[in-house]
Every structure is written in C-alpha cells, then in structure tokens.
C-alpha cells in the first residue's frame, strides 16, 4: 500500500485516505483582498480541503530586466511586468489576514512559495504544507532548502521529465519523507491530448512509497475525476469567481458551480471504487431472487437415473435450485425420485449431495 502521511493537521493523504482537494486561487483575486476572501469562502462552501495562493518576493523571483520588461498583454495590470506583478502581490500583513480568515471559516490555507524568500515567509506564517510550483521543481537548491524546513511538500511536475523527477525524489526523500508528486502539464488552458493521465500510473510504479496526485489546467471536470479514479490522492485545480475576468489563468479555472460539482463527483467516485473482492452483494439479492437462474430438467427424468448434460438446461426457476455454474458438477449424479420435465433440480432430489462451499 502507498505510504500515507499527515499533510495538514488531522488530515492524512495517501493509502486509503480520500483525495485532498486544493482550490488554487493563485492570483485570480485580481489583487483585491475582499475578492480573495470571497474566493476562500467559495472554496470552503464548495467542499475543497484547502485554499491556495501564490506568494512571491518579486526581486528574488525575477531579475531587474524581467521586471522592467514592457507588458502589453490584455491581461496586464501595469505598463511593465513588474508593475503587473506588484498589483497582484499581497503583502505579508495581507497574507496573515487571509490565513486568519481561512482558519475562522474552517479551511486549510497555504501558498506556493515562488522563490526562496517566499518560502521563508510562508514558513514563518506557519502554513501546513509547502506547494512547489512546476517552475521550481528543477530548482534543486530551492528544493533542498524547502525540504529542510520539515513541512510536508506537494510538488508539481509540469515542464519536467521523468529523469528530473527521479532526481527530485533523490534530493527530497532523504531530507523529508513527507511529500508527493502531482502529474501536471503547464499549459493554460490544457488540451485533453496533452494531459497524459497515464503518467499518474508511471509515477505510482516509479515512486511506490509516496502518494501521487494531479494538478490540472484543463476546462471542465471530467479529466480531474478520471485522475482520482486512477488513484490521484491530491488534486489541485485553479478556481475563479468569473472566467471572463482579466488574467491568463481564469479561462483554465473552475467557477463555483464547477468546483462544487467536481468535489461531489470525486466523493461519488471514491465511494464507487469500493472493494476489489467480487462477490454477490446484499444490494443484488432482490435481483438475484427475481431473475437468477437455476438448473432445470430439460426432459422427464426417472428415479435412479444418472444425470447427463442433455437432460439439463438453465432457466429462471421456481423454486430455486442449483445455480447455473453447478450444471457440469451435476453430470454423473444419481437422481433419487422422479422429476418432471421443466422441474427445478434441487438438492433434495440428488443422491448423496454435498453442498460445496465457495472460497
């Protein structure tokens, strides 16, 4: 069984635990604290386990030229990329306010630390776990420093290769065993042919001692539900209050009705996964009583006759007798009373019958 660990206080992931659902608010809050709180409340009301943001210390994430680059996209909040990012970046005090709000309404709160200094702040903020965004998964010094903080880690794998993910595993595992990988493709929105859900199975085989999850940027909920059916133990989806808002992530995000439907569908699928043991279930008894078939006499059979296959057939019989799978076992058995054509073959008419116990 895949190892499980406590991702948040009182909430374990992996093994037979339910999927941990992260509502990725990211920067879809438009730089507005009140909208951010509305989105946290929405995530809670829709049944997500965690509301997640993205925290950057911009001078540590970008170099000066990157911040000064003109940004003329229709999604821009400023003339330069730096102005745009500063508009969307909450202060430390605002993060403290958001975390306090999440705690008050009863949903876990965390953020992706988009650079090493952001991780330092989030550690001070006492988030339950660190999310490593795909852009830092091959940033090995960052990974090592983050792992040494001792908090559980959720690591996305967009833009990476299997070879890189093996290296990530080898770096993190000796330092901090409490982590999981998410299959992810970094495209917004993501087309179905680029999702590659089979990577979930590949990760499960390559890293059998850690939980595997999925971070999706597709539209709709079907692919994410399929990921959970394949064994994803952590699921992350971007969320928004309105897909038409300015911002490059909104189109690949779920609106409240979609998030609620996704959570409902995941919980339904988890119930449906059930047991690997195939057996007649109590809920099937009524159907079995009504339509389950029995072995019946194809012809009249005299007392003392030795049964042959051409004497027998299978029908819905009244009363019930031997089930169809017993028909070959009856061949060669002696009958101890006359049986009319079309009569059910019951245990009482077979000489020295010993009921077989199913294993």
Foldseek 3Di string as FASTA:
>chain_A
DAAKDAQFVVAIWDDLGAAQEEAEQALLQQLDLVSLLVVLVLCVVLPHQEYEYAAEPVVQLDPPVQQQDADDDPLAPDRGNVNRVVSSHDDLVSVLVSCVSNVVVPHAYYYAYSGQVSLVSRLVSVHQEHEHEQVCLLVLVSLLVSLQSAHAYEYENEPHDPVSVVVSCVRNCVRYVRYEYAYEHPDAQDDPVPRPLCVLVVCCVVPVHYAYAHEHQHPAQPVRLVSVLVRHRYYYFYAHCDLPDRDRRSVSHHHSVRSSVNVVSSVVSSVVVDDPDDDDDPVCVVVCCVFFKAKFFQAKDAAFDADDLVRIDIGRAPPHAHGPVCSVVSHRWGFHHIHHHRHGDHPVGTPPDDDDDDD
